[in-house]
Amino acid sequence: MENPSARWAPRGLIHGYAVLNDELYIVGGGIKGSISSEVTLSHTTAEYNDVWKTSDGKTWNRVTAHAPFAARTHYSLTAYNNMLWITDGSVGDQAILSNETWYSSDGLNWKQIKYPFLVKARK
């Protein structure tokens, strides 16, 4: 359903959403464009690291225009243990993979988990 009061930039299906404390959050994402009709891959035309929330689905508030993690697509976002969690994703290009994990209790203040060992991104 289209919501004219939603003020975020279009981002297709390449974004994440999760429910935390009875509020729906939309985080980051982007737009992909076709490389050519002969190739199934796509390139990034825009990426975001903004955070939006709503308690009623009608009125949306921007929590932050720029979260501390790099703008990305194809990531995982979930709510668990009273926190939003974002992990992995493509940064800039489908071939540039992130292996970061960030968490937040409010969508504004994010902390990165620093792994004591090297975690390699999947190829």
PDB file of N, CA and C in Angstrom:
ATOM      1  N   MET A   1       0.837  -1.166   0.000  1.00  0.00           N
ATOM      2  CA  MET A   1       0.000   0.000   0.000  1.00  0.00           C
ATOM      3  C   MET A   1       0.890   1.241   0.000  1.00  0.00           C
ATOM      4  N   GLU A   2       0.606   2.181  -0.854  1.00  0.00           N
ATOM      5  CA  GLU A   2       1.383   3.417  -0.920  1.00  0.00           C
ATOM      6  C   GLU A   2       0.993   4.326   0.227  1.00  0.00           C
ATOM      7  N   ASN A   3       1.992   4.948   0.828  1.00  0.00           N
ATOM      8  CA  ASN A   3       1.752   5.862   1.930  1.00  0.00           C
ATOM      9  C   ASN A   3       2.359   7.219   1.578  1.00  0.00           C
ATOM     10  N   PRO A   4       1.539   8.210   1.210  1.00  0.00           N
ATOM     11  CA  PRO A   4       2.080   9.503   0.799  1.00  0.00           C
ATOM     12  C   PRO A   4       2.807  10.241   1.913  1.00  0.00           C
ATOM     13  N   SER A   5       2.568   9.881   3.181  1.00  0.00           N
ATOM     14  CA  SER A   5       3.264  10.569   4.270  1.00  0.00           C
ATOM     15  C   SER A   5       4.658  10.000   4.518  1.00  0.00           C
ATOM     16  N   ALA A   6       4.982   8.876   3.909  1.00  0.00           N
ATOM     17  CA  ALA A   6       6.324   8.312   4.058  1.00  0.00           C
ATOM     18  C   ALA A   6       7.282   9.159   3.239  1.00  0.00           C
ATOM     19  N   ARG A   7       8.270   9.750   3.894  1.00  0.00           N
ATOM     20  CA  ARG A   7       9.124  10.729   3.228  1.00  0.00           C
ATOM     21  C   ARG A   7      10.490  10.176   2.844  1.00  0.00           C
ATOM     22  N   TRP A   8      10.718   8.883   3.010  1.00  0.00           N
ATOM     23  CA  TRP A   8      12.027   8.354   2.642  1.00  0.00           C
ATOM     24  C   TRP A   8      12.124   8.175   1.138  1.00  0.00           C
ATOM     25  N   ALA A   9      13.370   8.132   0.654  1.00  0.00           N
ATOM     26  CA  ALA A   9      13.607   7.938  -0.780  1.00  0.00           C
ATOM     27  C   ALA A   9      13.181   6.530  -1.182  1.00  0.00           C
ATOM     28  N   PRO A  10      12.701   6.337  -2.403  1.00  0.00           N
ATOM     29  CA  PRO A  10      12.311   5.001  -2.856  1.00  0.00           C
ATOM     30  C   PRO A  10      13.476   4.026  -2.744  1.00  0.00           C
ATOM     31  N   ARG A  11      13.161   2.795  -2.377  1.00  0.00           N
ATOM     32  CA  ARG A  11      14.219   1.801  -2.260  1.00  0.00           C
ATOM     33  C   ARG A  11      13.778   0.402  -2.632  1.00  0.00           C
ATOM     34  N   GLY A  12      12.707   0.255  -3.330  1.00  0.00           N
ATOM     35  CA  GLY A  12      12.292  -1.059  -3.807  1.00  0.00           C
ATOM     36  C   GLY A  12      12.161  -2.072  -2.687  1.00  0.00           C
ATOM     37  N   LEU A  13      12.566  -3.279  -2.956  1.00  0.00           N
ATOM     38  CA  LEU A  13      12.481  -4.349  -1.957  1.00  0.00           C
ATOM     39  C   LEU A  13      13.794  -4.562  -1.236  1.00  0.00           C
ATOM     40  N   ILE A  14      14.776  -3.718  -1.499  1.00  0.00           N
ATOM     41  CA  ILE A  14      16.101  -3.952  -0.945  1.00  0.00           C
ATOM     42  C   ILE A  14      16.292  -3.074   0.288  1.00  0.00           C
ATOM     43  N   HIS A  15      15.552  -3.392   1.324  1.00  0.00           N
ATOM     44  CA  HIS A  15      15.663  -2.704   2.600  1.00  0.00           C
ATOM     45  C   HIS A  15      15.275  -3.686   3.693  1.00  0.00           C
ATOM     46  N   GLY A  16      15.464  -3.299   4.925  1.00  0.00           N
ATOM     47  CA  GLY A  16      15.082  -4.177   6.024  1.00  0.00           C
ATOM     48  C   GLY A  16      14.079  -3.490   6.926  1.00  0.00           C
ATOM     49  N   TYR A  17      13.242  -4.287   7.541  1.00  0.00           N
ATOM     50  CA  TYR A  17      12.315  -3.742   8.518  1.00  0.00           C
ATOM     51  C   TYR A  17      12.188  -4.721   9.673  1.00  0.00           C
ATOM     52  N   ALA A  18      11.894  -4.182  10.858  1.00  0.00           N
ATOM     53  CA  ALA A  18      11.733  -5.005  12.052  1.00  0.00           C
ATOM     54  C   ALA A  18      10.859  -4.243  13.035  1.00  0.00           C
ATOM     55  N   VAL A  19      10.199  -4.971  13.928  1.00  0.00           N
ATOM     56  CA  VAL A  19       9.363  -4.369  14.958  1.00  0.00           C
ATOM     57  C   VAL A  19      10.104  -4.439  16.285  1.00  0.00           C
ATOM     58  N   LEU A  20      10.243  -3.279  16.927  1.00  0.00           N
ATOM     59  CA  LEU A  20      10.892  -3.174  18.232  1.00  0.00           C
ATOM     60  C   LEU A  20      10.039  -2.268  19.104  1.00  0.00           C
ATOM     61  N   ASN A  21       9.656  -2.749  20.280  1.00  0.00           N
ATOM     62  CA  ASN A  21       8.855  -1.964  21.223  1.00  0.00           C
ATOM     63  C   ASN A  21       7.605  -1.365  20.572  1.00  0.00           C
ATOM     64  N   ASP A  22       6.885  -2.191  19.825  1.00  0.00           N
ATOM     65  CA  ASP A  22       5.636  -1.795  19.171  1.00  0.00           C
ATOM     66  C   ASP A  22       5.811  -0.697  18.120  1.00  0.00           C
ATOM     67  N   GLU A  23       7.015  -0.540  17.591  1.00  0.00           N
ATOM     68  CA  GLU A  23       7.256   0.403  16.503  1.00  0.00           C
ATOM     69  C   GLU A  23       7.925  -0.339  15.354  1.00  0.00           C
ATOM     70  N   LEU A  24       7.490  -0.005  14.137  1.00  0.00           N
ATOM     71  CA  LEU A  24       8.069  -0.598  12.938  1.00  0.00           C
ATOM     72  C   LEU A  24       9.221   0.285  12.476  1.00  0.00           C
ATOM     73  N   TYR A  25      10.387  -0.324  12.280  1.00  0.00           N
ATOM     74  CA  TYR A  25      11.580   0.391  11.825  1.00  0.00           C
ATOM     75  C   TYR A  25      11.913  -0.019  10.399  1.00  0.00           C
ATOM     76  N   ILE A  26      12.282   0.946   9.582  1.00  0.00           N
ATOM     77  CA  ILE A  26      12.847   0.697   8.258  1.00  0.00           C
ATOM     78  C   ILE A  26      14.258   1.262   8.288  1.00  0.00           C
ATOM     79  N   VAL A  27      15.216   0.435   7.879  1.00  0.00           N
ATOM     80  CA  VAL A  27      16.626   0.818   7.960  1.00  0.00           C
ATOM     81  C   VAL A  27      17.283   0.660   6.595  1.00  0.00           C
ATOM     82  N   GLY A  28      17.915   1.734   6.127  1.00  0.00           N
ATOM     83  CA  GLY A  28      18.777   1.688   4.951  1.00  0.00           C
ATOM     84  C   GLY A  28      18.163   1.090   3.709  1.00  0.00           C
ATOM     85  N   GLY A  29      19.013   0.412   2.946  1.00  0.00           N
ATOM     86  CA  GLY A  29      18.594  -0.202   1.697  1.00  0.00           C
ATOM     87  C   GLY A  29      19.024   0.625   0.505  1.00  0.00           C
ATOM     88  N   GLY A  30      18.412   0.382  -0.627  1.00  0.00           N
ATOM     89  CA  GLY A  30      18.802   1.119  -1.820  1.00  0.00           C
ATOM     90  C   GLY A  30      18.008   0.714  -3.034  1.00  0.00           C
ATOM     91  N   ILE A  31      18.517   1.127  -4.171  1.00  0.00           N
ATOM     92  CA  ILE A  31      17.894   0.829  -5.457  1.00  0.00           C
ATOM     93  C   ILE A  31      18.945   0.178  -6.338  1.00  0.00           C
ATOM     94  N   LYS A  32      18.552  -0.876  -7.008  1.00  0.00           N
ATOM     95  CA  LYS A  32      19.432  -1.552  -7.955  1.00  0.00           C
ATOM     96  C   LYS A  32      18.902  -1.324  -9.355  1.00  0.00           C
ATOM     97  N   GLY A  33      19.806  -1.207 -10.295  1.00  0.00           N
ATOM     98  CA  GLY A  33      19.428  -1.055 -11.692  1.00  0.00           C
ATOM     99  C   GLY A  33      20.016  -2.177 -12.509  1.00  0.00           C
ATOM    100  N   SER A  34      19.336  -2.569 -13.537  1.00  0.00           N
ATOM    101  CA  SER A  34      19.786  -3.653 -14.408  1.00  0.00           C
ATOM    102  C   SER A  34      21.048  -3.255 -15.159  1.00  0.00           C
ATOM    103  N   ILE A  35      22.019  -4.149 -15.210  1.00  0.00           N
ATOM    104  CA  ILE A  35      23.233  -3.896 -15.985  1.00  0.00           C
ATOM    105  C   ILE A  35      22.908  -3.977 -17.468  1.00  0.00           C
ATOM    106  N   SER A  36      22.206  -5.019 -17.862  1.00  0.00           N
ATOM    107  CA  SER A  36      21.733  -5.153 -19.243  1.00  0.00           C
ATOM    108  C   SER A  36      20.646  -6.209 -19.263  1.00  0.00           C
ATOM    109  N   SER A  37      19.944  -6.304 -20.347  1.00  0.00           N
ATOM    110  CA  SER A  37      18.867  -7.289 -20.435  1.00  0.00           C
ATOM    111  C   SER A  37      19.411  -8.706 -20.556  1.00  0.00           C
ATOM    112  N   GLU A  38      20.697  -8.853 -20.857  1.00  0.00           N
ATOM    113  CA  GLU A  38      21.296 -10.181 -21.018  1.00  0.00           C
ATOM    114  C   GLU A  38      21.928 -10.695 -19.732  1.00  0.00           C
ATOM    115  N   VAL A  39      22.033  -9.838 -18.718  1.00  0.00           N
ATOM    116  CA  VAL A  39      22.707 -10.205 -17.476  1.00  0.00           C
ATOM    117  C   VAL A  39      21.707 -10.094 -16.334  1.00  0.00           C
ATOM    118  N   THR A  40      21.720 -11.065 -15.430  1.00  0.00           N
ATOM    119  CA  THR A  40      20.778 -11.030 -14.316  1.00  0.00           C
ATOM    120  C   THR A  40      21.308 -10.227 -13.133  1.00  0.00           C
ATOM    121  N   LEU A  41      22.582  -9.873 -13.128  1.00  0.00           N
ATOM    122  CA  LEU A  41      23.132  -9.055 -12.052  1.00  0.00           C
ATOM    123  C   LEU A  41      22.645  -7.621 -12.189  1.00  0.00           C
ATOM    124  N   SER A  42      22.807  -6.872 -11.136  1.00  0.00           N
ATOM    125  CA  SER A  42      22.430  -5.467 -11.189  1.00  0.00           C
ATOM    126  C   SER A  42      23.505  -4.642 -10.503  1.00  0.00           C
ATOM    127  N   HIS A  43      23.475  -3.359 -10.739  1.00  0.00           N
ATOM    128  CA  HIS A  43      24.419  -2.465 -10.081  1.00  0.00           C
ATOM    129  C   HIS A  43      23.635  -1.545  -9.144  1.00  0.00           C
ATOM    130  N   THR A  44      24.335  -0.995  -8.176  1.00  0.00           N
ATOM    131  CA  THR A  44      23.705  -0.107  -7.216  1.00  0.00           C
ATOM    132  C   THR A  44      23.564   1.282  -7.819  1.00  0.00           C
ATOM    133  N   THR A  45      22.365   1.833  -7.749  1.00  0.00           N
ATOM    134  CA  THR A  45      22.167   3.205  -8.201  1.00  0.00           C
ATOM    135  C   THR A  45      22.018   4.157  -7.023  1.00  0.00           C
ATOM    136  N   ALA A  46      21.622   3.649  -5.851  1.00  0.00           N
ATOM    137  CA  ALA A  46      21.531   4.462  -4.637  1.00  0.00           C
ATOM    138  C   ALA A  46      21.526   3.537  -3.430  1.00  0.00           C
ATOM    139  N   GLU A  47      22.172   3.979  -2.359  1.00  0.00           N
ATOM    140  CA  GLU A  47      22.161   3.233  -1.095  1.00  0.00           C
ATOM    141  C   GLU A  47      21.938   4.215   0.044  1.00  0.00           C
ATOM    142  N   TYR A  48      21.361   3.714   1.115  1.00  0.00           N
ATOM    143  CA  TYR A  48      21.039   4.566   2.250  1.00  0.00           C
ATOM    144  C   TYR A  48      21.444   3.881   3.551  1.00  0.00           C
ATOM    145  N   ASN A  49      21.661   4.701   4.580  1.00  0.00           N
ATOM    146  CA  ASN A  49      21.852   4.183   5.931  1.00  0.00           C
ATOM    147  C   ASN A  49      21.004   4.991   6.911  1.00  0.00           C
ATOM    148  N   ASP A  50      19.844   5.420   6.433  1.00  0.00           N
ATOM    149  CA  ASP A  50      18.912   6.148   7.280  1.00  0.00           C
ATOM    150  C   ASP A  50      18.037   5.174   8.068  1.00  0.00           C
ATOM    151  N   VAL A  51      17.380   5.695   9.114  1.00  0.00           N
ATOM    152  CA  VAL A  51      16.500   4.883   9.958  1.00  0.00           C
ATOM    153  C   VAL A  51      15.193   5.653  10.142  1.00  0.00           C
ATOM    154  N   TRP A  52      14.072   4.964   9.900  1.00  0.00           N
ATOM    155  CA  TRP A  52      12.736   5.534  10.055  1.00  0.00           C
ATOM    156  C   TRP A  52      11.912   4.635  10.963  1.00  0.00           C
ATOM    157  N   LYS A  53      10.925   5.223  11.675  1.00  0.00           N
ATOM    158  CA  LYS A  53      10.049   4.402  12.512  1.00  0.00           C
ATOM    159  C   LYS A  53       8.635   4.964  12.522  1.00  0.00           C
ATOM    160  N   THR A  54       7.688   4.066  12.845  1.00  0.00           N
ATOM    161  CA  THR A  54       6.279   4.439  12.973  1.00  0.00           C
ATOM    162  C   THR A  54       5.630   3.556  14.031  1.00  0.00           C
ATOM    163  N   SER A  55       4.658   4.097  14.711  1.00  0.00           N
ATOM    164  CA  SER A  55       3.882   3.292  15.657  1.00  0.00           C
ATOM    165  C   SER A  55       2.492   2.985  15.109  1.00  0.00           C
ATOM    166  N   ASP A  56       2.105   3.655  14.015  1.00  0.00           N
ATOM    167  CA  ASP A  56       0.761   3.446  13.473  1.00  0.00           C
ATOM    168  C   ASP A  56       0.736   3.150  11.971  1.00  0.00           C
ATOM    169  N   GLY A  57       1.896   3.194  11.297  1.00  0.00           N
ATOM    170  CA  GLY A  57       1.954   2.940   9.864  1.00  0.00           C
ATOM    171  C   GLY A  57       1.558   4.133   9.014  1.00  0.00           C
ATOM    172  N   LYS A  58       1.084   5.203   9.639  1.00  0.00           N
ATOM    173  CA  LYS A  58       0.669   6.400   8.913  1.00  0.00           C
ATOM    174  C   LYS A  58       1.687   7.526   9.051  1.00  0.00           C
ATOM    175  N   THR A  59       2.125   7.754  10.263  1.00  0.00           N
ATOM    176  CA  THR A  59       3.065   8.830  10.543  1.00  0.00           C
ATOM    177  C   THR A  59       4.454   8.248  10.747  1.00  0.00           C
ATOM    178  N   TRP A  60       5.386   8.641   9.883  1.00  0.00           N
ATOM    179  CA  TRP A  60       6.761   8.141   9.926  1.00  0.00           C
ATOM    180  C   TRP A  60       7.691   9.247  10.404  1.00  0.00           C
ATOM    181  N   ASN A  61       8.617   8.873  11.270  1.00  0.00           N
ATOM    182  CA  ASN A  61       9.606   9.811  11.782  1.00  0.00           C
ATOM    183  C   ASN A  61      11.001   9.308  11.464  1.00  0.00           C
ATOM    184  N   ARG A  62      11.839  10.209  10.949  1.00  0.00           N
ATOM    185  CA  ARG A  62      13.223   9.829  10.683  1.00  0.00           C
ATOM    186  C   ARG A  62      13.986   9.868  11.999  1.00  0.00           C
ATOM    187  N   VAL A  63      14.554   8.735  12.368  1.00  0.00           N
ATOM    188  CA  VAL A  63      15.350   8.633  13.587  1.00  0.00           C
ATOM    189  C   VAL A  63      16.729   9.234  13.338  1.00  0.00           C
ATOM    190  N   THR A  64      17.328   8.894  12.205  1.00  0.00           N
ATOM    191  CA  THR A  64      18.609   9.467  11.803  1.00  0.00           C
ATOM    192  C   THR A  64      18.740   9.403  10.284  1.00  0.00           C
ATOM    193  N   ALA A  65      19.400  10.397   9.727  1.00  0.00           N
ATOM    194  CA  ALA A  65      19.653  10.409   8.285  1.00  0.00           C
ATOM    195  C   ALA A  65      20.842   9.530   7.929  1.00  0.00           C
ATOM    196  N   HIS A  66      21.750   9.336   8.893  1.00  0.00           N
ATOM    197  CA  HIS A  66      22.967   8.566   8.624  1.00  0.00           C
ATOM    198  C   HIS A  66      23.385   7.787   9.863  1.00  0.00           C
ATOM    199  N   ALA A  67      23.040   6.512   9.898  1.00  0.00           N
ATOM    200  CA  ALA A  67      23.533   5.630  10.962  1.00  0.00           C
ATOM    201  C   ALA A  67      25.045   5.469  10.777  1.00  0.00           C
ATOM    202  N   PRO A  68      25.781   5.030  11.800  1.00  0.00           N
ATOM    203  CA  PRO A  68      27.244   4.970  11.695  1.00  0.00           C
ATOM    204  C   PRO A  68      27.789   3.881  10.778  1.00  0.00           C
ATOM    205  N   PHE A  69      26.960   2.931  10.372  1.00  0.00           N
ATOM    206  CA  PHE A  69      27.440   1.892   9.455  1.00  0.00           C
ATOM    207  C   PHE A  69      27.293   2.376   8.018  1.00  0.00           C
ATOM    208  N   ALA A  70      28.087   1.788   7.134  1.00  0.00           N
ATOM    209  CA  ALA A  70      28.047   2.160   5.718  1.00  0.00           C
ATOM    210  C   ALA A  70      26.681   1.832   5.126  1.00  0.00           C
ATOM    211  N   ALA A  71      26.233   2.679   4.200  1.00  0.00           N
ATOM    212  CA  ALA A  71      24.996   2.391   3.473  1.00  0.00           C
ATOM    213  C   ALA A  71      25.165   1.059   2.759  1.00  0.00           C
ATOM    214  N   ARG A  72      24.081   0.255   2.747  1.00  0.00           N
ATOM    215  CA  ARG A  72      24.200  -1.095   2.185  1.00  0.00           C
ATOM    216  C   ARG A  72      22.854  -1.629   1.733  1.00  0.00           C
ATOM    217  N   THR A  73      22.904  -2.682   0.941  1.00  0.00           N
ATOM    218  CA  THR A  73      21.725  -3.424   0.510  1.00  0.00           C
ATOM    219  C   THR A  73      21.954  -4.892   0.838  1.00  0.00           C
ATOM    220  N   HIS A  74      20.931  -5.699   0.651  1.00  0.00           N
ATOM    221  CA  HIS A  74      21.027  -7.160   0.826  1.00  0.00           C
ATOM    222  C   HIS A  74      21.573  -7.567   2.195  1.00  0.00           C
ATOM    223  N   TYR A  75      21.130  -6.926   3.239  1.00  0.00           N
ATOM    224  CA  TYR A  75      21.593  -7.245   4.586  1.00  0.00           C
ATOM    225  C   TYR A  75      20.473  -7.920   5.367  1.00  0.00           C
ATOM    226  N   SER A  76      20.783  -8.310   6.574  1.00  0.00           N
ATOM    227  CA  SER A  76      19.777  -8.887   7.468  1.00  0.00           C
ATOM    228  C   SER A  76      19.497  -7.900   8.589  1.00  0.00           C
ATOM    229  N   LEU A  77      18.219  -7.680   8.879  1.00  0.00           N
ATOM    230  CA  LEU A  77      17.802  -6.830   9.991  1.00  0.00           C
ATOM    231  C   LEU A  77      16.771  -7.601  10.785  1.00  0.00           C
ATOM    232  N   THR A  78      16.938  -7.623  12.092  1.00  0.00           N
ATOM    233  CA  THR A  78      15.975  -8.301  12.950  1.00  0.00           C
ATOM    234  C   THR A  78      15.906  -7.583  14.289  1.00  0.00           C
ATOM    235  N   ALA A  79      14.839  -7.834  15.030  1.00  0.00           N
ATOM    236  CA  ALA A  79      14.725  -7.355  16.402  1.00  0.00           C
ATOM    237  C   ALA A  79      14.821  -8.571  17.310  1.00  0.00           C
ATOM    238  N   TYR A  80      15.717  -8.497  18.282  1.00  0.00           N
ATOM    239  CA  TYR A  80      15.922  -9.604  19.215  1.00  0.00           C
ATOM    240  C   TYR A  80      16.426  -9.034  20.529  1.00  0.00           C
ATOM    241  N   ASN A  81      15.865  -9.505  21.630  1.00  0.00           N
ATOM    242  CA  ASN A  81      16.322  -9.127  22.965  1.00  0.00           C
ATOM    243  C   ASN A  81      16.321  -7.599  23.148  1.00  0.00           C
ATOM    244  N   ASN A  82      15.227  -6.954  22.717  1.00  0.00           N
ATOM    245  CA  ASN A  82      15.045  -5.506  22.837  1.00  0.00           C
ATOM    246  C   ASN A  82      16.083  -4.684  22.085  1.00  0.00           C
ATOM    247  N   MET A  83      16.596  -5.229  21.005  1.00  0.00           N
ATOM    248  CA  MET A  83      17.581  -4.530  20.175  1.00  0.00           C
ATOM    249  C   MET A  83      17.269  -4.766  18.702  1.00  0.00           C
ATOM    250  N   LEU A  84      17.615  -3.792  17.868  1.00  0.00           N
ATOM    251  CA  LEU A  84      17.657  -3.985  16.422  1.00  0.00           C
ATOM    252  C   LEU A  84      19.052  -4.483  16.086  1.00  0.00           C
ATOM    253  N   TRP A  85      19.137  -5.454  15.197  1.00  0.00           N
ATOM    254  CA  TRP A  85      20.421  -6.023  14.779  1.00  0.00           C
ATOM    255  C   TRP A  85      20.517  -5.967  13.265  1.00  0.00           C
ATOM    256  N   ILE A  86      21.617  -5.428  12.743  1.00  0.00           N
ATOM    257  CA  ILE A  86      21.865  -5.426  11.307  1.00  0.00           C
ATOM    258  C   ILE A  86      23.203  -6.114  11.064  1.00  0.00           C
ATOM    259  N   THR A  87      23.222  -6.989  10.073  1.00  0.00           N
ATOM    260  CA  THR A  87      24.443  -7.740   9.805  1.00  0.00           C
ATOM    261  C   THR A  87      24.623  -7.976   8.314  1.00  0.00           C
ATOM    262  N   ASP A  88      25.880  -8.060   7.922  1.00  0.00           N
ATOM    263  CA  ASP A  88      26.275  -8.400   6.554  1.00  0.00           C
ATOM    264  C   ASP A  88      25.774  -7.368   5.543  1.00  0.00           C
ATOM    265  N   GLY A  89      25.618  -7.774   4.303  1.00  0.00           N
ATOM    266  CA  GLY A  89      25.108  -6.918   3.241  1.00  0.00           C
ATOM    267  C   GLY A  89      26.135  -6.609   2.172  1.00  0.00           C
ATOM    268  N   SER A  90      25.663  -5.972   1.113  1.00  0.00           N
ATOM    269  CA  SER A  90      26.511  -5.500   0.017  1.00  0.00           C
ATOM    270  C   SER A  90      26.705  -4.001   0.184  1.00  0.00           C
ATOM    271  N   VAL A  91      27.942  -3.560   0.090  1.00  0.00           N
ATOM    272  CA  VAL A  91      28.261  -2.144   0.244  1.00  0.00           C
ATOM    273  C   VAL A  91      28.767  -1.619  -1.093  1.00  0.00           C
ATOM    274  N   GLY A  92      27.984  -0.795  -1.739  1.00  0.00           N
ATOM    275  CA  GLY A  92      28.397  -0.173  -2.988  1.00  0.00           C
ATOM    276  C   GLY A  92      28.197  -1.027  -4.221  1.00  0.00           C
ATOM    277  N   ASP A  93      28.578  -2.261  -4.177  1.00  0.00           N
ATOM    278  CA  ASP A  93      28.526  -3.147  -5.335  1.00  0.00           C
ATOM    279  C   ASP A  93      28.239  -4.547  -4.800  1.00  0.00           C
ATOM    280  N   GLN A  94      27.553  -5.354  -5.559  1.00  0.00           N
ATOM    281  CA  GLN A  94      27.231  -6.697  -5.069  1.00  0.00           C
ATOM    282  C   GLN A  94      28.470  -7.496  -4.713  1.00  0.00           C
ATOM    283  N   ALA A  95      29.600  -7.179  -5.331  1.00  0.00           N
ATOM    284  CA  ALA A  95      30.822  -7.935  -5.070  1.00  0.00           C
ATOM    285  C   ALA A  95      31.527  -7.486  -3.792  1.00  0.00           C
ATOM    286  N   ILE A  96      31.141  -6.340  -3.226  1.00  0.00           N
ATOM    287  CA  ILE A  96      31.764  -5.846  -1.999  1.00  0.00           C
ATOM    288  C   ILE A  96      30.857  -6.228  -0.835  1.00  0.00           C
ATOM    289  N   LEU A  97      31.251  -7.257  -0.100  1.00  0.00           N
ATOM    290  CA  LEU A  97      30.417  -7.797   0.966  1.00  0.00           C
ATOM    291  C   LEU A  97      30.900  -7.323   2.332  1.00  0.00           C
ATOM    292  N   SER A  98      29.958  -6.999   3.195  1.00  0.00           N
ATOM    293  CA  SER A  98      30.260  -6.597   4.560  1.00  0.00           C
ATOM    294  C   SER A  98      30.079  -7.791   5.486  1.00  0.00           C
ATOM    295  N   ASN A  99      30.887  -7.851   6.529  1.00  0.00           N
ATOM    296  CA  ASN A  99      30.691  -8.877   7.551  1.00  0.00           C
ATOM    297  C   ASN A  99      30.514  -8.229   8.922  1.00  0.00           C
ATOM    298  N   GLU A 100      30.041  -6.985   8.931  1.00  0.00           N
ATOM    299  CA  GLU A 100      29.848  -6.263  10.180  1.00  0.00           C
ATOM    300  C   GLU A 100      28.524  -6.651  10.841  1.00  0.00           C
ATOM    301  N   THR A 101      28.489  -6.479  12.166  1.00  0.00           N
ATOM    302  CA  THR A 101      27.260  -6.621  12.937  1.00  0.00           C
ATOM    303  C   THR A 101      27.129  -5.402  13.841  1.00  0.00           C
ATOM    304  N   TRP A 102      25.977  -4.755  13.775  1.00  0.00           N
ATOM    305  CA  TRP A 102      25.669  -3.572  14.582  1.00  0.00           C
ATOM    306  C   TRP A 102      24.364  -3.820  15.338  1.00  0.00           C
ATOM    307  N   TYR A 103      24.197  -3.153  16.496  1.00  0.00           N
ATOM    308  CA  TYR A 103      22.949  -3.269  17.249  1.00  0.00           C
ATOM    309  C   TYR A 103      22.581  -1.931  17.877  1.00  0.00           C
ATOM    310  N   SER A 104      21.270  -1.760  18.147  1.00  0.00           N
ATOM    311  CA  SER A 104      20.759  -0.518  18.712  1.00  0.00           C
ATOM    312  C   SER A 104      19.478  -0.794  19.482  1.00  0.00           C
ATOM    313  N   SER A 105      19.283  -0.083  20.568  1.00  0.00           N
ATOM    314  CA  SER A 105      18.033  -0.208  21.327  1.00  0.00           C
ATOM    315  C   SER A 105      17.000   0.825  20.894  1.00  0.00           C
ATOM    316  N   ASP A 106      17.423   1.812  20.081  1.00  0.00           N
ATOM    317  CA  ASP A 106      16.506   2.888  19.711  1.00  0.00           C
ATOM    318  C   ASP A 106      16.586   3.322  18.244  1.00  0.00           C
ATOM    319  N   GLY A 107      17.455   2.713  17.449  1.00  0.00           N
ATOM    320  CA  GLY A 107      17.600   3.081  16.047  1.00  0.00           C
ATOM    321  C   GLY A 107      18.472   4.300  15.814  1.00  0.00           C
ATOM    322  N   LEU A 108      18.850   4.991  16.880  1.00  0.00           N
ATOM    323  CA  LEU A 108      19.695   6.177  16.775  1.00  0.00           C
ATOM    324  C   LEU A 108      21.132   5.882  17.194  1.00  0.00           C
ATOM    325  N   ASN A 109      21.278   5.230  18.320  1.00  0.00           N
ATOM    326  CA  ASN A 109      22.595   4.931  18.887  1.00  0.00           C
ATOM    327  C   ASN A 109      22.974   3.494  18.564  1.00  0.00           C
ATOM    328  N   TRP A 110      23.925   3.328  17.661  1.00  0.00           N
ATOM    329  CA  TRP A 110      24.347   2.014  17.186  1.00  0.00           C
ATOM    330  C   TRP A 110      25.733   1.690  17.704  1.00  0.00           C
ATOM    331  N   LYS A 111      25.944   0.417  18.037  1.00  0.00           N
ATOM    332  CA  LYS A 111      27.263  -0.066  18.453  1.00  0.00           C
ATOM    333  C   LYS A 111      27.632  -1.248  17.575  1.00  0.00           C
ATOM    334  N   GLN A 112      28.897  -1.300  17.214  1.00  0.00           N
ATOM    335  CA  GLN A 112      29.384  -2.404  16.392  1.00  0.00           C
ATOM    336  C   GLN A 112      29.986  -3.473  17.288  1.00  0.00           C
ATOM    337  N   ILE A 113      29.701  -4.722  16.962  1.00  0.00           N
ATOM    338  CA  ILE A 113      30.344  -5.833  17.662  1.00  0.00           C
ATOM    339  C   ILE A 113      31.726  -6.002  17.062  1.00  0.00           C
ATOM    340  N   LYS A 114      32.730  -5.932  17.905  1.00  0.00           N
ATOM    341  CA  LYS A 114      34.114  -6.135  17.465  1.00  0.00           C
ATOM    342  C   LYS A 114      34.467  -7.589  17.727  1.00  0.00           C
ATOM    343  N   TYR A 115      34.641  -8.328  16.659  1.00  0.00           N
ATOM    344  CA  TYR A 115      34.968  -9.737  16.790  1.00  0.00           C
ATOM    345  C   TYR A 115      36.421  -9.897  17.208  1.00  0.00           C
ATOM    346  N   PRO A 116      36.711 -10.795  18.148  1.00  0.00           N
ATOM    347  CA  PRO A 116      38.103 -11.039  18.549  1.00  0.00           C
ATOM    348  C   PRO A 116      38.847 -11.917  17.547  1.00  0.00           C
ATOM    349  N   PHE A 117      38.180 -12.311  16.494  1.00  0.00           N
ATOM    350  CA  PHE A 117      38.774 -13.154  15.464  1.00  0.00           C
ATOM    351  C   PHE A 117      38.298 -12.642  14.111  1.00  0.00           C
ATOM    352  N   LEU A 118      38.984 -13.000  13.072  1.00  0.00           N
ATOM    353  CA  LEU A 118      38.622 -12.556  11.730  1.00  0.00           C
ATOM    354  C   LEU A 118      37.445 -13.366  11.212  1.00  0.00           C
ATOM    355  N   VAL A 119      36.384 -12.683  10.845  1.00  0.00           N
ATOM    356  CA  VAL A 119      35.230 -13.326  10.235  1.00  0.00           C
ATOM    357  C   VAL A 119      35.246 -12.940   8.767  1.00  0.00           C
ATOM    358  N   LYS A 120      35.335 -13.911   7.900  1.00  0.00           N
ATOM    359  CA  LYS A 120      35.402 -13.631   6.468  1.00  0.00           C
ATOM    360  C   LYS A 120      34.000 -13.538   5.879  1.00  0.00           C
ATOM    361  N   ALA A 121      33.816 -12.586   5.002  1.00  0.00           N
ATOM    362  CA  ALA A 121      32.543 -12.455   4.293  1.00  0.00           C
ATOM    363  C   ALA A 121      32.370 -13.635   3.347  1.00  0.00           C
ATOM    364  N   ARG A 122      31.121 -14.065   3.192  1.00  0.00           N
ATOM    365  CA  ARG A 122      30.831 -15.165   2.265  1.00  0.00           C
ATOM    366  C   ARG A 122      31.003 -14.703   0.835  1.00  0.00           C
ATOM    367  N   LYS A 123      31.428 -15.593  -0.025  1.00  0.00           N
ATOM    368  CA  LYS A 123      31.562 -15.260  -1.453  1.00  0.00           C
ATOM    369  C   LYS A 123      30.530 -15.996  -2.250  1.00  0.00           C
TER     370      LYS A 123
END
